[in-house]
Amino acid sequence: MYAAILAGGVGTRLWPRSRQDRPKQFTEITGSGLTMIQETALRLEGVVNSDRLFVVTGAAFSGLAREQLPDVPAQQILVEPSGRNTAPAIGLACIHLQRTAPDAVLAVLPADHVILDSEGFRAALRQAGELATDGYLVTLGIEPTFAHTGYGYIKRSEPLPVSTAEATAYAVDRFLEKPNRHTAEEFLLEGGYYWNGGIFVASVAVWLAELARQTPDIYTRVQRIGEAMDTPDADAVLEREWADMPSISVDYAIMEHAQRVAVVPLQAGWNDVGSWDALETILEQDDRGNSIAKGDVLLLDSEGNIVYSDKRLVALVNVSNLVVVDTGDTLLIGDKRNMQRVKDVVEQLRRQGRTELL
């Protein structure tokens, strides 16, 4: 199996730790000592060797990718001239693999998610790889733990044969948009629904066939890019074709109307860490519900807080349900229940022209 880590996002809701010159996938968020992309690569060990690992990212971040993943061959750090969402990024990885390993199975996964049970993840990925060799396009479906309204959902249908008694897999009935609260609660009550975590596995041939069938414009352009590889015109062709490349997610471009789609359930402590309050579900808490992501922290009669500090001591006295993020040049303090509004702070700074803080 090969893998492509998609590492082109910005992650504004994790400002001020996530910045436009070093977004969250290239930073340490959870206090593990590793950046998120390093954790993602490490999680693949035992299933995908580093010489079979690709990273798709923007030109501004290619140096960070090489620096943080030195075992990945430099030619497998694939640079997008500009962001065009996940479907073209997958097409770019496939066109590279088509030249050297056309029969390969390719797993595609985001660079900035947390999965606490790495072995459980690897077991699910291996099962997905087996289905992919049989021609399925496979997604890992996250077992929902509550009625989340911020994720798309996957509805399963009939079970599929698997190689081990511990494994399970199902055909996919359909993909569903982000639901309202009532609908999400109905999904959990009914059962058979999973969160769509954006982790997909298929053979290179199936990926390209679905692109050709559903988004021929993307397919044609990545084929032209592939034909120009190893020629003097390679960079010029990439720039030209990418300039008019459609910007569309793999969910809309491929998954929703793909043929022979399967889901492998994943229950492994998954979290997309979309905002600071998400750290509460993946970090240890003290006896008063405080979560310390990083730093020297002193807590007096305080409860339910989340603290991240790069350099300085942070002391909290008689406060509750706060997020405190100190990065040295910037201090963020907010109500834990309203951390989605961090993106509003970023937008205000952008309007004020304070780009040095973004």
Protein backbone atom coordinates (compact mmCIF):
# COMPACT_ATOMS: atom_id res chain seq x y z
CA MET A 1 0.00 0.00 0.00
CA TYR A 2 0.99 3.61 -0.69
CA ALA A 3 -0.35 6.69 1.06
CA ALA A 4 -0.82 10.37 0.22
CA ILE A 5 -0.98 12.79 3.13
CA LEU A 6 -2.93 15.91 2.16
CA ALA A 7 -1.22 18.84 3.87
CA GLY A 8 -2.39 21.99 2.15
CA GLY A 9 -4.90 23.42 4.66
CA VAL A 10 -4.59 26.56 6.77
CA GLY A 11 -6.43 25.79 10.04
CA THR A 12 -7.51 29.30 11.05
CA ARG A 13 -9.63 28.05 13.97
CA LEU A 14 -6.43 26.99 15.75
CA TRP A 15 -4.96 30.50 15.59
CA PRO A 16 -2.67 31.76 17.10
CA ARG A 17 -0.70 28.48 17.12
CA SER A 18 -1.69 27.79 13.52
CA ARG A 19 -0.37 30.58 11.28
CA GLN A 20 -0.43 31.14 7.53
CA ASP A 21 3.32 30.42 7.30
CA ARG A 22 3.09 27.37 9.59
CA PRO A 23 -0.44 25.95 9.68
CA LYS A 24 -1.63 23.43 12.22
CA GLN A 25 -0.43 20.30 10.39
CA PHE A 26 3.16 21.53 10.75
CA THR A 27 2.85 22.48 14.42
CA GLU A 28 2.68 20.63 17.71
CA ILE A 29 -0.83 21.05 19.08
CA THR A 30 -1.38 18.16 21.50
CA GLY A 31 1.83 18.34 23.56
CA SER A 32 3.14 15.06 22.11
CA GLY A 33 6.45 16.55 20.98
CA LEU A 34 5.57 15.80 17.35
CA THR A 35 3.84 17.96 14.78
CA MET A 36 0.52 16.73 13.45
CA ILE A 37 1.97 15.65 10.10
CA GLN A 38 4.74 13.75 11.90
CA GLU A 39 2.13 11.96 14.01
CA THR A 40 0.19 11.11 10.84
CA ALA A 41 3.27 9.61 9.17
CA LEU A 42 4.24 7.70 12.33
CA ARG A 43 0.72 6.26 12.54
CA LEU A 44 1.20 4.70 9.10
CA GLU A 45 4.32 2.74 10.07
CA GLY A 46 3.80 -0.96 9.65
CA VAL A 47 1.34 -0.43 6.82
CA VAL A 48 3.04 2.17 4.60
CA ASN A 49 6.82 2.57 4.52
CA SER A 50 8.26 6.06 4.16
CA ASP A 51 9.47 5.25 0.62
CA ARG A 52 5.82 4.68 -0.32
CA LEU A 53 4.58 7.87 1.27
CA PHE A 54 3.59 10.98 -0.69
CA VAL A 55 2.76 14.42 0.68
CA VAL A 56 0.65 16.85 -1.32
CA THR A 57 1.04 20.44 -0.14
CA GLY A 58 1.45 24.03 -1.27
CA ALA A 59 4.68 25.64 -2.39
CA ALA A 60 4.86 27.67 0.83
CA PHE A 61 4.91 24.49 2.92
CA SER A 62 7.05 22.11 0.85
CA GLY A 63 10.15 23.05 2.81
CA LEU A 64 8.40 22.33 6.10
CA ALA A 65 7.26 18.95 4.76
CA ARG A 66 10.80 18.00 3.76
CA GLU A 67 12.19 19.22 7.09
CA GLN A 68 9.64 17.42 9.24
CA LEU A 69 9.50 14.19 7.20
CA PRO A 70 13.14 13.66 6.20
CA ASP A 71 12.63 9.96 5.43
CA VAL A 72 10.14 10.71 2.67
CA PRO A 73 11.94 10.97 -0.70
CA ALA A 74 12.09 14.60 -1.85
CA GLN A 75 10.47 13.75 -5.20
CA GLN A 76 7.43 12.46 -3.27
CA ILE A 77 6.71 15.87 -1.76
CA LEU A 78 4.24 16.97 -4.43
CA VAL A 79 3.73 20.71 -4.72
CA GLU A 80 0.43 22.23 -5.81
CA PRO A 81 0.85 25.64 -7.46
CA SER A 82 -2.30 26.75 -5.60
CA GLY A 83 -5.01 25.24 -3.44
CA ARG A 84 -7.64 23.38 -5.48
CA ASN A 85 -9.21 21.23 -2.74
CA THR A 86 -8.82 17.48 -2.31
CA ALA A 87 -9.94 15.93 -5.62
CA PRO A 88 -7.16 17.50 -7.75
CA ALA A 89 -4.64 16.78 -4.99
CA ILE A 90 -5.55 13.08 -5.13
CA GLY A 91 -5.36 13.18 -8.92
CA LEU A 92 -1.84 14.62 -8.70
CA ALA A 93 -0.71 11.81 -6.38
CA CYS A 94 -2.30 9.18 -8.63
CA ILE A 95 -0.66 10.47 -11.79
CA HIS A 96 2.75 10.19 -10.11
CA LEU A 97 2.02 6.65 -8.96
CA GLN A 98 0.61 5.63 -12.34
CA ARG A 99 4.09 5.92 -13.81
CA THR A 100 5.89 3.72 -11.27
CA ALA A 101 3.25 1.57 -9.57
CA PRO A 102 0.06 1.55 -11.66
CA ASP A 103 -1.38 -1.42 -9.75
CA ALA A 104 -0.83 0.18 -6.35
CA VAL A 105 -3.45 0.78 -3.67
CA LEU A 106 -3.40 4.39 -2.46
CA ALA A 107 -4.69 5.54 0.93
CA VAL A 108 -5.51 9.24 1.19
CA LEU A 109 -5.66 10.95 4.55
CA PRO A 110 -5.52 14.44 6.08
CA ALA A 111 -2.33 15.58 7.76
CA ASP A 112 -4.00 17.25 10.74
CA HIS A 113 -6.16 14.69 12.54
CA VAL A 114 -5.58 12.98 15.87
CA ILE A 115 -6.11 9.22 16.29
CA LEU A 116 -5.36 7.95 19.77
CA ASP A 117 -5.45 4.21 18.98
CA SER A 118 -2.82 3.84 16.27
CA GLU A 119 -3.01 0.05 16.14
CA GLY A 120 -6.78 0.15 15.73
CA PHE A 121 -6.31 2.61 12.90
CA ARG A 122 -3.73 0.40 11.20
CA ALA A 123 -6.02 -2.63 11.45
CA ALA A 124 -8.85 -0.70 9.80
CA LEU A 125 -6.48 0.59 7.11
CA ARG A 126 -5.28 -2.94 6.32
CA GLN A 127 -8.89 -4.10 5.98
CA ALA A 128 -9.61 -1.16 3.68
CA GLY A 129 -6.57 -2.10 1.60
CA GLU A 130 -7.88 -5.64 1.13
CA LEU A 131 -11.21 -4.33 -0.12
CA ALA A 132 -9.43 -1.88 -2.40
CA THR A 133 -7.58 -4.72 -4.11
CA ASP A 134 -11.02 -6.15 -4.95
CA GLY A 135 -11.97 -2.95 -6.73
CA TYR A 136 -13.78 -1.11 -3.94
CA LEU A 137 -13.37 2.54 -3.14
CA VAL A 138 -13.20 2.41 0.65
CA THR A 139 -13.76 5.00 3.34
CA LEU A 140 -13.00 4.67 7.03
CA GLY A 141 -16.22 5.56 8.83
CA ILE A 142 -15.74 7.08 12.28
CA GLU A 143 -18.01 5.50 14.88
CA PRO A 144 -20.03 8.51 16.15
CA THR A 145 -19.90 9.24 19.87
CA PHE A 146 -22.54 11.98 19.89
CA ALA A 147 -24.91 13.78 17.51
CA HIS A 148 -22.31 15.98 15.82
CA THR A 149 -23.66 18.53 13.36
CA GLY A 150 -20.29 19.59 11.95
CA TYR A 151 -19.48 16.40 10.04
CA GLY A 152 -20.95 14.71 7.01
CA TYR A 153 -22.26 11.20 7.61
CA ILE A 154 -21.99 7.83 5.84
CA LYS A 155 -24.91 5.40 5.89
CA ARG A 156 -24.01 1.75 5.55
CA SER A 157 -26.00 -1.00 3.86
CA GLU A 158 -25.26 -4.75 3.65
CA PRO A 159 -22.17 -6.30 5.25
CA LEU A 160 -19.25 -7.35 3.04
CA PRO A 161 -17.06 -10.45 3.46
CA VAL A 162 -13.85 -9.81 5.41
CA SER A 163 -10.74 -11.87 6.04
CA THR A 164 -10.75 -11.91 9.86
CA ALA A 165 -13.44 -12.42 12.47
CA GLU A 166 -12.49 -9.15 14.21
CA ALA A 167 -12.99 -7.01 11.10
CA THR A 168 -16.20 -5.55 9.73
CA ALA A 169 -17.01 -3.81 6.47
CA TYR A 170 -20.17 -2.72 4.72
CA ALA A 171 -21.31 -1.45 1.38
CA VAL A 172 -22.14 2.26 1.47
CA ASP A 173 -25.76 3.21 0.98
CA ARG A 174 -25.08 6.93 0.63
CA PHE A 175 -23.16 9.94 1.87
CA LEU A 176 -25.12 12.64 3.69
CA GLU A 177 -24.49 16.35 4.21
CA LYS A 178 -23.93 17.86 7.67
CA PRO A 179 -27.25 17.37 9.49
CA ASN A 180 -29.13 19.57 11.92
CA ARG A 181 -29.26 18.50 15.57
CA HIS A 182 -32.53 16.61 15.30
CA THR A 183 -31.40 14.66 12.21
CA ALA A 184 -28.04 13.83 13.79
CA GLU A 185 -29.81 12.47 16.86
CA GLU A 186 -32.02 10.33 14.63
CA PHE A 187 -28.90 8.95 12.91
CA LEU A 188 -27.47 7.81 16.24
CA LEU A 189 -30.78 6.36 17.38
CA GLU A 190 -31.21 4.37 14.17
CA GLY A 191 -27.60 3.18 14.00
CA GLY A 192 -25.57 2.28 10.93
CA TYR A 193 -24.26 5.81 10.39
CA TYR A 194 -20.66 7.00 10.60
CA TRP A 195 -18.89 10.33 10.58
CA ASN A 196 -17.03 11.03 7.35
CA GLY A 197 -13.44 11.59 8.47
CA GLY A 198 -11.99 12.09 4.99
CA ILE A 199 -9.85 8.93 4.94
CA PHE A 200 -10.17 6.98 1.67
CA VAL A 201 -8.48 3.95 0.11
CA ALA A 202 -8.63 2.70 -3.51
CA SER A 203 -6.38 1.40 -6.23
CA VAL A 204 -4.77 3.98 -8.48
CA ALA A 205 -6.76 2.53 -11.37
CA VAL A 206 -10.07 3.02 -9.52
CA TRP A 207 -9.18 6.55 -8.44
CA LEU A 208 -8.35 7.55 -12.01
CA ALA A 209 -11.33 5.72 -13.49
CA GLU A 210 -13.70 7.58 -11.17
CA LEU A 211 -12.05 10.90 -11.99
CA ALA A 212 -12.41 10.15 -15.71
CA ARG A 213 -16.06 9.15 -15.30
CA GLN A 214 -17.20 11.89 -12.94
CA THR A 215 -14.82 14.83 -13.40
CA PRO A 216 -13.24 14.48 -16.85
CA ASP A 217 -11.81 17.99 -16.67
CA ILE A 218 -9.66 17.07 -13.65
CA TYR A 219 -8.73 13.74 -15.22
CA THR A 220 -7.65 15.33 -18.50
CA ARG A 221 -5.57 17.97 -16.78
CA VAL A 222 -3.74 15.55 -14.47
CA GLN A 223 -3.04 13.29 -17.45
CA ARG A 224 -1.43 16.23 -19.26
CA ILE A 225 0.63 16.93 -16.15
CA GLY A 226 1.70 13.28 -16.09
CA GLU A 227 2.66 13.25 -19.76
CA ALA A 228 4.95 16.25 -19.20
CA MET A 229 6.81 14.76 -16.23
CA ASP A 230 10.55 14.33 -16.75
CA THR A 231 10.47 16.79 -19.66
CA PRO A 232 11.77 20.37 -19.77
CA ASP A 233 8.15 21.56 -19.87
CA ALA A 234 7.04 19.79 -16.69
CA ASP A 235 6.84 22.89 -14.47
CA ALA A 236 5.20 25.02 -17.14
CA VAL A 237 2.57 22.38 -17.88
CA LEU A 238 1.82 21.94 -14.17
CA GLU A 239 1.36 25.71 -13.74
CA ARG A 240 -0.80 26.01 -16.85
CA GLU A 241 -3.08 23.07 -16.12
CA TRP A 242 -3.39 23.89 -12.43
CA ALA A 243 -4.43 27.48 -13.13
CA ASP A 244 -7.74 26.26 -14.60
CA MET A 245 -8.09 23.15 -12.45
CA PRO A 246 -11.55 22.89 -10.85
CA SER A 247 -11.57 23.39 -7.08
CA ILE A 248 -13.67 20.59 -5.63
CA SER A 249 -13.51 18.14 -2.74
CA VAL A 250 -13.16 14.41 -3.25
CA ASP A 251 -16.51 13.98 -1.51
CA TYR A 252 -18.39 15.91 -4.20
CA ALA A 253 -16.15 14.97 -7.13
CA ILE A 254 -15.98 11.22 -6.51
CA MET A 255 -17.36 9.68 -3.34
CA GLU A 256 -21.03 10.63 -3.48
CA HIS A 257 -21.61 8.95 -6.86
CA ALA A 258 -18.79 6.43 -7.01
CA GLN A 259 -19.38 2.78 -7.88
CA ARG A 260 -18.62 -0.06 -5.43
CA VAL A 261 -18.06 2.01 -2.30
CA ALA A 262 -17.36 0.34 1.04
CA VAL A 263 -17.00 1.58 4.61
CA VAL A 264 -14.75 0.10 7.29
CA PRO A 265 -15.81 1.26 10.77
CA LEU A 266 -13.12 2.99 12.83
CA GLN A 267 -13.30 3.37 16.59
CA ALA A 268 -9.86 4.65 17.49
CA GLY A 269 -10.15 7.98 19.29
CA TRP A 270 -10.39 10.03 16.08
CA ASN A 271 -10.64 13.82 16.23
CA ASP A 272 -10.13 16.38 13.48
CA VAL A 273 -9.05 19.02 16.06
CA GLY A 274 -11.03 21.67 14.24
CA SER A 275 -10.89 24.13 17.13
CA TRP A 276 -9.21 24.56 20.51
CA ASP A 277 -12.11 23.12 22.50
CA ALA A 278 -11.63 19.79 20.67
CA LEU A 279 -8.46 19.22 22.72
CA GLU A 280 -10.67 18.48 25.71
CA THR A 281 -11.65 15.13 24.19
CA ILE A 282 -8.09 13.94 23.52
CA LEU A 283 -6.07 15.25 26.46
CA GLU A 284 -5.93 13.95 30.01
CA GLN A 285 -7.84 16.05 32.53
CA ASP A 286 -7.08 16.79 36.16
CA ASP A 287 -9.61 16.19 38.92
CA ARG A 288 -11.30 19.50 38.10
CA GLY A 289 -11.59 18.91 34.38
CA ASN A 290 -8.67 21.11 33.26
CA SER A 291 -6.71 20.04 30.16
CA ILE A 292 -3.11 21.14 29.69
CA ALA A 293 -1.95 20.83 26.09
CA LYS A 294 1.49 22.30 26.68
CA GLY A 295 3.41 24.53 29.04
CA ASP A 296 4.01 25.56 32.63
CA VAL A 297 0.55 26.05 34.14
CA LEU A 298 -0.58 26.89 37.67
CA LEU A 299 -4.26 26.41 38.46
CA LEU A 300 -5.98 27.73 41.59
CA ASP A 301 -9.64 26.90 42.14
CA SER A 302 -10.19 26.73 38.39
CA GLU A 303 -12.06 24.09 36.44
CA GLY A 304 -12.89 22.99 32.90
CA ASN A 305 -10.12 25.07 31.28
CA ILE A 306 -7.87 24.26 28.31
CA VAL A 307 -4.38 25.78 28.36
CA TYR A 308 -1.59 25.86 25.78
CA SER A 309 1.55 27.91 26.44
CA ASP A 310 4.72 27.94 24.38
CA LYS A 311 7.05 29.78 26.74
CA ARG A 312 5.59 31.53 29.77
CA LEU A 313 3.97 30.39 32.99
CA VAL A 314 0.19 30.67 32.82
CA ALA A 315 -1.61 31.02 36.14
CA LEU A 316 -5.40 30.80 36.38
CA VAL A 317 -7.28 31.86 39.51
CA ASN A 318 -10.97 31.11 40.08
CA VAL A 319 -11.93 30.86 36.42
CA SER A 320 -13.89 28.21 34.54
CA ASN A 321 -14.41 26.97 30.99
CA LEU A 322 -11.76 29.13 29.38
CA VAL A 323 -9.34 28.42 26.55
CA VAL A 324 -5.99 30.15 27.06
CA VAL A 325 -3.41 30.01 24.27
CA ASP A 326 -0.11 31.87 24.71
CA THR A 327 2.33 31.71 21.79
CA GLY A 328 4.71 34.41 22.98
CA ASP A 329 3.68 37.15 20.55
CA THR A 330 -0.05 36.54 20.87
CA LEU A 331 -2.44 35.67 23.69
CA LEU A 332 -5.88 34.21 23.06
CA ILE A 333 -8.45 33.93 25.86
CA GLY A 334 -11.95 32.76 25.12
CA ASP A 335 -15.05 30.99 26.36
CA LYS A 336 -14.58 27.28 25.67
CA ARG A 337 -18.12 27.06 24.28
CA ASN A 338 -17.50 29.71 21.61
CA MET A 339 -14.12 28.82 20.15
CA GLN A 340 -15.49 28.58 16.62
CA ARG A 341 -15.33 32.39 16.71
CA VAL A 342 -11.52 32.34 16.55
CA LYS A 343 -11.94 32.49 12.77
CA ASP A 344 -13.69 35.86 13.31
CA VAL A 345 -10.59 37.12 15.12
CA VAL A 346 -8.45 36.04 12.17
CA GLU A 347 -10.78 37.83 9.76
CA GLN A 348 -10.69 41.03 11.85
CA LEU A 349 -6.88 41.00 11.85
CA ARG A 350 -6.89 40.44 8.10
CA ARG A 351 -9.18 43.41 7.54
CA GLN A 352 -6.91 45.55 9.74
CA GLY A 353 -3.90 44.56 7.64
CA ARG A 354 -2.11 42.99 10.61
CA THR A 355 -0.69 40.19 8.49
CA GLU A 356 2.33 39.71 10.77
CA LEU A 357 -0.03 38.07 13.27
CA LEU A 358 -1.80 35.76 10.81
